[in-house]
N, C-alpha and C. Protein backbone atom coordinates (compact mmCIF):
# COMPACT_ATOMS: atom_id res chain seq x y z
N MET A 1 0.91 -1.21 0.00
CA MET A 1 -0.13 -0.18 -0.13
C MET A 1 1.19 1.56 0.19
N PRO A 2 2.13 1.15 -1.05
CA PRO A 2 2.39 2.42 -0.69
C PRO A 2 2.17 4.05 -0.29
N ILE A 3 1.22 4.70 -2.11
CA ILE A 3 0.58 5.37 -1.69
C ILE A 3 -0.97 4.94 -2.24
N THR A 4 -2.34 5.28 -1.08
CA THR A 4 -3.85 4.75 -1.35
C THR A 4 -4.30 5.84 -2.10
N ASP A 5 -5.41 6.13 -2.64
CA ASP A 5 -5.88 6.71 -3.68
C ASP A 5 -6.85 8.03 -2.61
N ASP A 6 -6.55 7.91 -1.20
CA ASP A 6 -6.52 8.82 -0.21
C ASP A 6 -6.31 10.09 0.18
N VAL A 7 -4.80 10.04 -0.91
CA VAL A 7 -4.26 10.97 -0.47
C VAL A 7 -4.69 12.17 -1.31
N THR A 8 -4.25 13.38 -0.44
CA THR A 8 -3.98 14.52 -1.42
C THR A 8 -2.78 15.58 -1.39
N LEU A 9 -2.22 14.77 -3.59
CA LEU A 9 -1.01 15.44 -3.34
C LEU A 9 -1.16 17.47 -3.82
N GLY A 10 -0.35 18.30 -3.56
CA GLY A 10 -0.22 19.20 -4.12
C GLY A 10 0.21 18.95 -4.56
N GLU A 11 0.33 20.50 -6.42
CA GLU A 11 1.09 20.22 -6.71
C GLU A 11 2.55 20.47 -7.09
N ASP A 12 2.95 20.13 -8.07
CA ASP A 12 4.52 19.51 -7.87
C ASP A 12 5.61 18.98 -6.56
N VAL A 13 4.87 18.02 -5.97
CA VAL A 13 4.94 16.91 -4.88
C VAL A 13 6.40 16.35 -5.78
N THR A 14 6.82 15.86 -5.35
CA THR A 14 7.91 15.12 -5.20
C THR A 14 8.44 14.11 -4.12
N ILE A 15 7.96 13.07 -4.73
CA ILE A 15 8.04 11.26 -4.00
C ILE A 15 9.25 10.46 -4.45
N ARG A 16 10.37 10.68 -3.41
CA ARG A 16 12.11 10.24 -4.02
C ARG A 16 11.47 8.74 -4.53
N GLN A 17 11.19 7.83 -3.89
CA GLN A 17 10.65 6.47 -4.35
C GLN A 17 9.56 5.78 -3.95
N PRO A 18 8.96 5.58 -4.58
CA PRO A 18 7.07 6.16 -3.91
C PRO A 18 6.97 4.33 -3.52
N ALA A 19 7.78 3.07 -3.89
CA ALA A 19 7.29 2.13 -3.64
C ALA A 19 8.01 1.70 -2.38
N LEU A 20 8.68 3.12 -1.35
CA LEU A 20 9.31 2.66 -0.47
C LEU A 20 8.62 4.46 0.18
N VAL A 21 7.57 4.37 -0.02
CA VAL A 21 6.73 5.03 1.29
C VAL A 21 5.57 4.52 1.55
N ASN A 22 5.28 5.03 2.23
CA ASN A 22 3.82 4.44 2.77
C ASN A 22 2.54 5.86 3.19
N LEU A 23 2.00 6.40 2.34
CA LEU A 23 1.25 7.05 2.48
C LEU A 23 -0.06 7.28 2.22
N TYR A 24 -1.53 7.93 3.65
CA TYR A 24 -2.46 7.14 3.34
C TYR A 24 -3.41 8.24 4.17
N GLY A 25 -4.00 8.32 3.33
CA GLY A 25 -5.05 9.30 4.18
C GLY A 25 -4.55 10.49 4.40
N CYS A 26 -3.61 10.96 4.25
CA CYS A 26 -3.02 12.43 4.65
C CYS A 26 -3.16 13.14 3.14
N ARG A 27 -2.42 14.41 3.95
CA ARG A 27 -1.95 15.74 2.68
C ARG A 27 -1.24 16.19 2.45
N ILE A 28 -0.60 16.26 1.18
CA ILE A 28 0.17 16.72 1.12
C ILE A 28 1.25 18.61 0.68
N GLY A 29 1.01 19.30 0.61
CA GLY A 29 1.11 20.54 0.12
C GLY A 29 2.33 20.72 -1.20
N ASP A 30 2.21 21.66 -1.76
CA ASP A 30 2.53 21.95 -3.34
C ASP A 30 4.83 22.27 -2.78
N GLU A 31 5.12 21.44 -3.72
CA GLU A 31 6.47 21.54 -3.80
C GLU A 31 6.73 21.15 -2.71
N THR A 32 6.58 20.15 -1.56
CA THR A 32 6.58 19.24 -0.50
C THR A 32 8.05 18.10 -1.33
N THR A 33 9.02 18.03 -1.13
CA THR A 33 9.56 16.43 -1.28
C THR A 33 9.40 15.78 0.13
N ILE A 34 9.18 14.17 0.11
CA ILE A 34 8.78 13.34 0.38
C ILE A 34 10.24 11.80 -0.27
N GLY A 35 10.53 11.76 1.55
CA GLY A 35 11.92 10.89 1.10
C GLY A 35 11.57 9.61 1.61
N ALA A 36 12.39 8.20 0.60
CA ALA A 36 11.70 7.20 0.65
C ALA A 36 12.47 6.44 2.11
N PHE A 37 11.45 5.44 2.54
CA PHE A 37 10.84 4.63 3.88
C PHE A 37 10.43 5.57 4.56
N VAL A 38 9.45 6.40 4.20
CA VAL A 38 8.43 7.75 5.24
C VAL A 38 6.89 7.10 5.10
N GLU A 39 6.61 7.29 6.25
CA GLU A 39 5.49 7.33 6.73
C GLU A 39 4.42 8.25 6.82
N ILE A 40 3.40 8.51 6.12
CA ILE A 40 2.58 9.60 6.89
C ILE A 40 1.25 8.85 6.94
N GLN A 41 0.30 8.74 8.32
CA GLN A 41 -0.35 8.58 8.81
C GLN A 41 -1.90 9.23 7.60
N ARG A 42 -2.96 8.53 8.56
CA ARG A 42 -4.44 9.22 7.71
C ARG A 42 -4.58 10.27 8.81
N GLY A 43 -4.99 12.04 8.64
CA GLY A 43 -4.86 12.39 8.96
C GLY A 43 -4.13 13.26 9.32
N ALA A 44 -2.96 12.69 8.76
CA ALA A 44 -1.81 14.25 8.65
C ALA A 44 -1.52 14.85 7.38
N ARG A 45 -1.32 16.20 8.40
CA ARG A 45 -1.34 17.33 6.93
C ARG A 45 0.42 18.05 7.10
N VAL A 46 0.22 18.31 6.19
CA VAL A 46 2.73 18.27 5.23
C VAL A 46 2.00 19.19 4.88
N GLY A 47 2.61 20.61 4.49
CA GLY A 47 2.18 21.90 4.15
C GLY A 47 3.16 21.73 2.88
N ALA A 48 3.20 23.14 1.95
CA ALA A 48 4.18 23.13 0.79
C ALA A 48 5.43 23.77 1.73
N ARG A 49 6.33 23.31 0.13
CA ARG A 49 7.85 23.87 0.17
C ARG A 49 8.15 22.91 1.56
N CYS A 50 8.34 21.87 1.73
CA CYS A 50 8.74 20.77 2.91
C CYS A 50 9.43 20.36 2.07
N LYS A 51 10.55 19.41 3.03
CA LYS A 51 11.52 18.71 2.85
C LYS A 51 10.89 17.82 4.29
N VAL A 52 10.50 16.24 3.71
CA VAL A 52 10.06 15.21 4.67
C VAL A 52 12.06 14.13 4.17
N SER A 53 12.13 13.88 4.98
CA SER A 53 13.80 12.84 4.72
C SER A 53 13.47 11.47 4.54
N SER A 54 14.21 11.00 4.73
CA SER A 54 14.56 9.42 4.83
C SER A 54 13.56 8.99 6.53
N HIS A 55 13.17 7.55 6.02
CA HIS A 55 12.55 7.14 7.23
C HIS A 55 12.22 7.55 8.98
N SER A 56 11.16 9.00 8.52
CA SER A 56 10.58 9.39 8.73
C SER A 56 8.83 9.39 9.25
N PHE A 57 8.42 9.04 10.37
CA PHE A 57 7.29 8.91 10.36
C PHE A 57 6.89 9.83 10.95
N ILE A 58 5.35 10.41 10.38
CA ILE A 58 4.33 11.24 10.76
C ILE A 58 3.24 10.86 11.00
N CYS A 59 2.47 10.70 11.86
CA CYS A 59 1.03 9.76 12.67
C CYS A 59 0.22 10.60 12.48
N ALA A 60 -1.10 10.05 12.42
CA ALA A 60 -2.11 10.66 12.91
C ALA A 60 -2.03 11.91 14.05
N GLY A 61 -3.04 12.72 13.44
CA GLY A 61 -2.86 14.21 14.11
C GLY A 61 -1.70 15.16 14.01
N VAL A 62 -0.81 14.73 13.59
CA VAL A 62 0.21 16.05 13.48
C VAL A 62 -0.33 17.36 12.34
N VAL A 63 0.72 18.06 12.42
CA VAL A 63 -0.17 19.05 11.41
C VAL A 63 0.98 19.97 11.27
N ILE A 64 1.55 19.94 9.93
CA ILE A 64 2.57 20.39 10.00
C ILE A 64 2.44 21.61 8.96
N ALA A 65 2.87 22.71 9.28
CA ALA A 65 2.63 24.03 8.24
C ALA A 65 4.02 23.97 7.36
N ASP A 66 4.00 25.28 6.31
CA ASP A 66 4.41 25.11 5.41
C ASP A 66 6.29 25.26 5.84
N GLU A 67 6.87 25.23 4.74
CA GLU A 67 8.62 24.90 4.87
C GLU A 67 8.82 25.12 5.80
N VAL A 68 8.24 23.76 6.34
CA VAL A 68 9.48 23.15 7.54
C VAL A 68 10.10 21.76 7.18
N PHE A 69 11.34 21.87 7.73
CA PHE A 69 12.86 20.89 7.36
C PHE A 69 12.29 19.80 8.52
N ILE A 70 11.97 18.23 7.97
CA ILE A 70 12.23 16.94 8.73
C ILE A 70 13.06 15.85 8.50
N GLY A 71 14.19 16.39 9.28
CA GLY A 71 15.24 15.74 9.04
C GLY A 71 15.04 13.77 9.26
N HIS A 72 16.17 13.10 8.74
CA HIS A 72 16.32 11.70 8.63
C HIS A 72 15.28 10.82 10.00
N GLY A 73 15.14 10.16 10.32
CA GLY A 73 14.63 9.03 11.47
C GLY A 73 13.43 9.65 12.86
N VAL A 74 13.43 11.27 11.98
CA VAL A 74 12.40 11.30 13.02
C VAL A 74 11.07 11.18 12.63
N MET A 75 11.14 10.88 14.61
CA MET A 75 9.29 10.20 15.21
C MET A 75 8.43 11.04 15.86
N PHE A 76 7.36 10.68 15.57
CA PHE A 76 6.34 11.71 16.02
C PHE A 76 5.58 10.79 16.79
N THR A 77 4.65 11.24 18.01
CA THR A 77 3.83 10.12 18.56
C THR A 77 2.67 10.62 19.09
N ASN A 78 1.64 10.64 19.08
CA ASN A 78 0.54 11.51 18.64
C ASN A 78 -0.77 9.84 20.25
N ASP A 79 -0.50 9.27 20.87
CA ASP A 79 -0.38 9.19 22.02
C ASP A 79 0.07 9.30 23.52
N PRO A 80 -0.23 9.70 24.67
CA PRO A 80 0.23 9.67 25.56
C PRO A 80 1.14 8.72 26.38
N TRP A 81 -0.35 8.22 26.28
CA TRP A 81 -0.28 6.88 27.38
C TRP A 81 -0.50 5.45 26.15
N PRO A 82 0.91 5.28 24.97
CA PRO A 82 0.26 3.96 24.56
C PRO A 82 0.10 2.84 25.27
N ARG A 83 -0.44 1.84 25.09
CA ARG A 83 -1.28 1.04 25.49
C ARG A 83 -1.54 -0.40 24.64
N ALA A 84 -1.09 -2.03 24.54
CA ALA A 84 -1.38 -2.62 23.48
C ALA A 84 -2.94 -3.04 24.04
N THR A 85 -3.47 -3.25 25.01
CA THR A 85 -3.78 -3.87 26.21
C THR A 85 -4.87 -2.84 26.70
N ASN A 86 -6.66 -3.36 27.10
CA ASN A 86 -6.89 -2.21 28.13
C ASN A 86 -6.42 -3.29 29.47
N ALA A 87 -7.46 -2.88 30.44
CA ALA A 87 -6.95 -3.68 32.09
C ALA A 87 -8.07 -4.59 32.19
N ASP A 88 -8.24 -5.42 31.41
CA ASP A 88 -9.54 -6.61 30.56
C ASP A 88 -8.53 -7.69 30.01
N GLY A 89 -7.13 -6.80 29.57
CA GLY A 89 -6.50 -7.42 28.78
C GLY A 89 -6.43 -8.13 27.36
N LYS A 90 -7.84 -7.52 26.98
CA LYS A 90 -7.99 -7.28 25.38
C LYS A 90 -7.37 -6.30 24.92
N LEU A 91 -7.36 -6.71 23.11
CA LEU A 91 -6.40 -5.65 22.74
C LEU A 91 -7.44 -4.50 22.44
N GLN A 92 -6.85 -3.40 22.75
CA GLN A 92 -7.01 -2.08 22.43
C GLN A 92 -7.78 -1.59 21.02
N ARG A 93 -8.60 -0.72 21.00
CA ARG A 93 -8.84 -0.29 19.73
C ARG A 93 -9.70 1.29 19.65
N GLU A 94 -9.24 1.51 17.96
CA GLU A 94 -8.85 3.17 18.44
C GLU A 94 -9.94 3.45 19.12
N SER A 95 -10.99 2.90 18.99
CA SER A 95 -11.57 3.49 20.18
C SER A 95 -11.28 3.97 21.76
N ASP A 96 -10.77 2.85 22.08
CA ASP A 96 -9.58 3.53 23.15
C ASP A 96 -8.86 4.62 24.43
N TRP A 97 -8.15 4.79 22.69
CA TRP A 97 -7.70 6.23 23.57
C TRP A 97 -7.85 7.54 22.42
N THR A 98 -7.08 7.91 23.10
CA THR A 98 -7.79 9.63 22.38
C THR A 98 -6.41 10.13 21.84
N LEU A 99 -6.52 9.99 20.61
CA LEU A 99 -5.27 10.88 19.55
C LEU A 99 -5.15 12.00 20.39
N VAL A 100 -3.81 12.98 20.40
CA VAL A 100 -3.23 13.92 21.24
C VAL A 100 -2.31 14.51 19.47
N ALA A 101 -2.95 16.07 19.21
CA ALA A 101 -2.28 16.81 18.28
C ALA A 101 -0.58 16.79 18.56
N THR A 102 -0.42 17.28 17.55
CA THR A 102 0.99 17.88 17.40
C THR A 102 0.98 18.48 16.43
N HIS A 103 1.94 20.47 16.61
CA HIS A 103 1.90 21.47 15.29
C HIS A 103 3.23 21.38 15.52
N VAL A 104 3.28 21.78 14.15
CA VAL A 104 4.84 22.31 13.70
C VAL A 104 4.82 23.45 13.02
N GLU A 105 4.78 24.54 13.74
CA GLU A 105 4.76 25.80 12.56
C GLU A 105 5.08 25.95 11.82
N ARG A 106 5.10 26.79 10.92
CA ARG A 106 6.23 27.59 9.42
C ARG A 106 7.31 28.09 9.73
N GLY A 107 8.30 26.90 8.71
CA GLY A 107 9.29 27.27 8.99
C GLY A 107 10.18 26.51 10.01
N ALA A 108 10.38 26.01 10.90
CA ALA A 108 10.72 25.52 12.54
C ALA A 108 11.90 23.71 11.31
N SER A 109 12.32 23.63 11.92
CA SER A 109 13.38 22.44 11.57
C SER A 109 13.52 21.15 12.42
N ILE A 110 13.13 20.05 11.99
CA ILE A 110 13.97 19.15 13.50
C ILE A 110 14.44 18.03 12.58
N GLY A 111 15.78 18.13 13.19
CA GLY A 111 16.82 17.11 13.27
C GLY A 111 16.79 15.67 13.00
N SER A 112 18.11 15.43 12.58
CA SER A 112 17.27 14.10 12.08
C SER A 112 18.09 13.21 14.31
N ASN A 113 16.56 12.43 13.62
CA ASN A 113 16.56 11.02 14.37
C ASN A 113 16.01 11.86 16.47
N ALA A 114 15.14 12.79 15.27
CA ALA A 114 14.38 13.83 17.17
C ALA A 114 13.63 12.99 17.32
N THR A 115 12.37 12.92 18.38
CA THR A 115 11.64 12.40 18.61
C THR A 115 10.72 14.12 19.31
N VAL A 116 9.57 13.55 19.04
CA VAL A 116 8.73 14.59 18.95
C VAL A 116 7.30 14.05 19.38
N VAL A 117 6.98 13.72 20.99
CA VAL A 117 5.93 14.08 21.37
C VAL A 117 4.71 14.25 21.72
N CYS A 118 3.30 14.08 21.38
CA CYS A 118 2.30 14.18 20.78
C CYS A 118 2.20 15.33 21.69
N GLY A 119 1.45 16.21 21.35
CA GLY A 119 0.40 17.44 22.11
C GLY A 119 1.31 18.71 22.02
N VAL A 120 2.55 18.71 21.99
CA VAL A 120 3.19 20.36 21.35
C VAL A 120 3.44 21.13 20.04
N THR A 121 3.62 22.01 20.33
CA THR A 121 3.30 22.96 19.38
C THR A 121 5.13 23.20 18.71
N ILE A 122 5.45 23.03 18.12
CA ILE A 122 7.47 23.39 17.40
C ILE A 122 6.66 24.43 16.60
N GLY A 123 7.10 26.07 17.59
CA GLY A 123 6.89 27.38 16.77
C GLY A 123 7.19 27.36 15.76
N ALA A 124 6.87 28.53 15.39
CA ALA A 124 7.97 29.60 13.35
C ALA A 124 8.90 29.23 14.21
N GLY A 125 9.92 28.94 12.87
CA GLY A 125 11.42 29.21 12.72
C GLY A 125 12.37 27.94 14.33
N ALA A 126 11.55 27.50 14.65
CA ALA A 126 12.30 27.09 15.81
C ALA A 126 13.14 26.35 15.20
N LEU A 127 14.69 25.02 16.04
CA LEU A 127 15.91 24.63 15.62
C LEU A 127 15.29 23.46 16.40
N VAL A 128 15.72 21.96 16.23
CA VAL A 128 14.91 21.07 16.96
C VAL A 128 16.75 20.42 17.16
N GLY A 129 17.82 20.16 17.37
CA GLY A 129 18.59 19.73 17.27
C GLY A 129 18.46 18.65 17.22
N ALA A 130 19.34 17.52 16.85
CA ALA A 130 19.75 16.46 16.20
C ALA A 130 19.30 14.98 16.92
N GLY A 131 18.35 14.22 17.49
CA GLY A 131 18.23 13.53 18.97
C GLY A 131 17.72 14.11 19.54
N ALA A 132 16.74 15.57 20.13
CA ALA A 132 16.65 15.81 20.79
C ALA A 132 14.90 14.96 21.13
N VAL A 133 14.83 15.22 21.98
CA VAL A 133 13.85 14.06 22.49
C VAL A 133 12.76 15.61 23.04
N VAL A 134 11.86 16.56 22.67
CA VAL A 134 10.70 17.00 22.47
C VAL A 134 9.01 17.04 23.19
N THR A 135 9.82 17.12 24.88
CA THR A 135 8.67 17.32 25.31
C THR A 135 7.09 18.06 25.51
N ARG A 136 7.63 18.99 25.36
CA ARG A 136 6.63 20.36 25.62
C ARG A 136 6.84 21.42 24.74
N ASP A 137 6.31 22.74 24.91
CA ASP A 137 6.37 23.65 23.87
C ASP A 137 7.93 24.21 23.03
N VAL A 138 7.83 24.22 22.44
CA VAL A 138 8.71 24.85 21.38
C VAL A 138 9.07 26.28 21.61
N PRO A 139 9.63 27.49 21.33
CA PRO A 139 8.35 29.07 21.58
C PRO A 139 9.69 29.43 19.79
N ALA A 140 9.20 29.74 19.05
CA ALA A 140 9.36 29.95 17.59
C ALA A 140 10.87 30.80 17.90
N HIS A 141 11.87 30.41 17.49
CA HIS A 141 12.80 30.62 16.86
C HIS A 141 13.70 30.48 17.76
N ALA A 142 13.56 29.54 18.85
CA ALA A 142 14.30 28.94 19.80
C ALA A 142 15.14 28.00 19.20
N VAL A 143 16.31 27.69 19.64
CA VAL A 143 17.35 26.31 19.30
C VAL A 143 16.77 25.26 20.42
N VAL A 144 16.45 24.42 20.49
CA VAL A 144 16.66 23.14 21.14
C VAL A 144 17.26 22.07 21.46
N ALA A 145 17.54 21.51 22.20
CA ALA A 145 18.55 19.93 21.91
C ALA A 145 19.12 19.44 23.60
N GLY A 146 18.63 18.22 23.29
CA GLY A 146 19.10 17.39 24.66
C GLY A 146 17.47 16.62 24.74
N VAL A 147 17.69 15.43 25.96
CA VAL A 147 17.09 14.78 26.34
C VAL A 147 16.46 14.44 28.15
N PRO A 148 15.44 15.90 28.42
CA PRO A 148 14.21 16.11 27.17
C PRO A 148 15.00 17.66 26.63
N ALA A 149 14.47 17.79 25.12
CA ALA A 149 15.17 19.55 24.57
C ALA A 149 14.66 20.26 25.34
N ARG A 150 15.64 21.35 25.79
CA ARG A 150 15.64 22.24 26.25
C ARG A 150 16.15 22.96 25.65
N VAL A 151 16.02 24.75 25.78
CA VAL A 151 16.76 25.53 24.41
C VAL A 151 17.22 26.01 25.51
N ILE A 152 18.22 26.21 24.63
CA ILE A 152 19.44 26.06 24.53
C ILE A 152 20.23 27.60 22.99
N GLY A 153 19.67 28.39 22.35
CA GLY A 153 19.63 29.44 21.66
C GLY A 153 18.22 29.32 20.97
N ASP A 154 18.26 30.80 20.01
CA ASP A 154 17.91 31.57 19.06
C ASP A 154 18.67 31.77 17.68
N THR A 155 17.02 31.30 16.56
CA THR A 155 17.77 31.65 15.53
C THR A 155 17.71 32.73 15.01
N ARG A 156 17.60 33.96 15.56
CA ARG A 156 17.83 34.78 14.96
C ARG A 156 18.60 35.90 15.74
N SER A 157 19.59 35.35 16.43
CA SER A 157 21.18 35.94 16.59
C SER A 157 22.32 34.78 16.20
C-alpha cells in the first residue's frame, strides 16, 4: 500500500521512491519533497515547500505548516499513554484511546532522529537539534537540544 487513493497531493510534490513510502489518508502541500521509507498516516497534514527526509514517521494528528524541514528518522507520537491492551487484557481498539494533536509551525526545522511527543507545538522558525526528545512546546525561533529538549539558543542571533 505505498500511496493510497485517499492521499491528497499538491502540485509538484516529489516522492523520491514511491514504492518505498507509506502514505494513506494524508494531505501533502505543493512543492513538498518526501524521502524514501517515510510513513505519513491518515489525517496528518504536511504543508507546502516542506522536506521530509527518509525514514521519518508522521502519525495521525500531526499538522506540519509550510516550509518545514524534517530530518532523517524523525518520529512523532500521538498517544501519551500507549498500551496494547485494556485493563481486561483485550487488545485496544481505536475507540479506546484519544489522539493528541501536534503542530509544527512555519519554517521550523527538526534534526535527524529527533522524537516529538504528542501534544506539543514547535514554534515558527524553531530548530530542534538532532536526537532531541521534544516533550513540551518549543517557542518560535528557539533552538532546542537534549533529552528532554531544552532551549539553548535563538535562531535570530
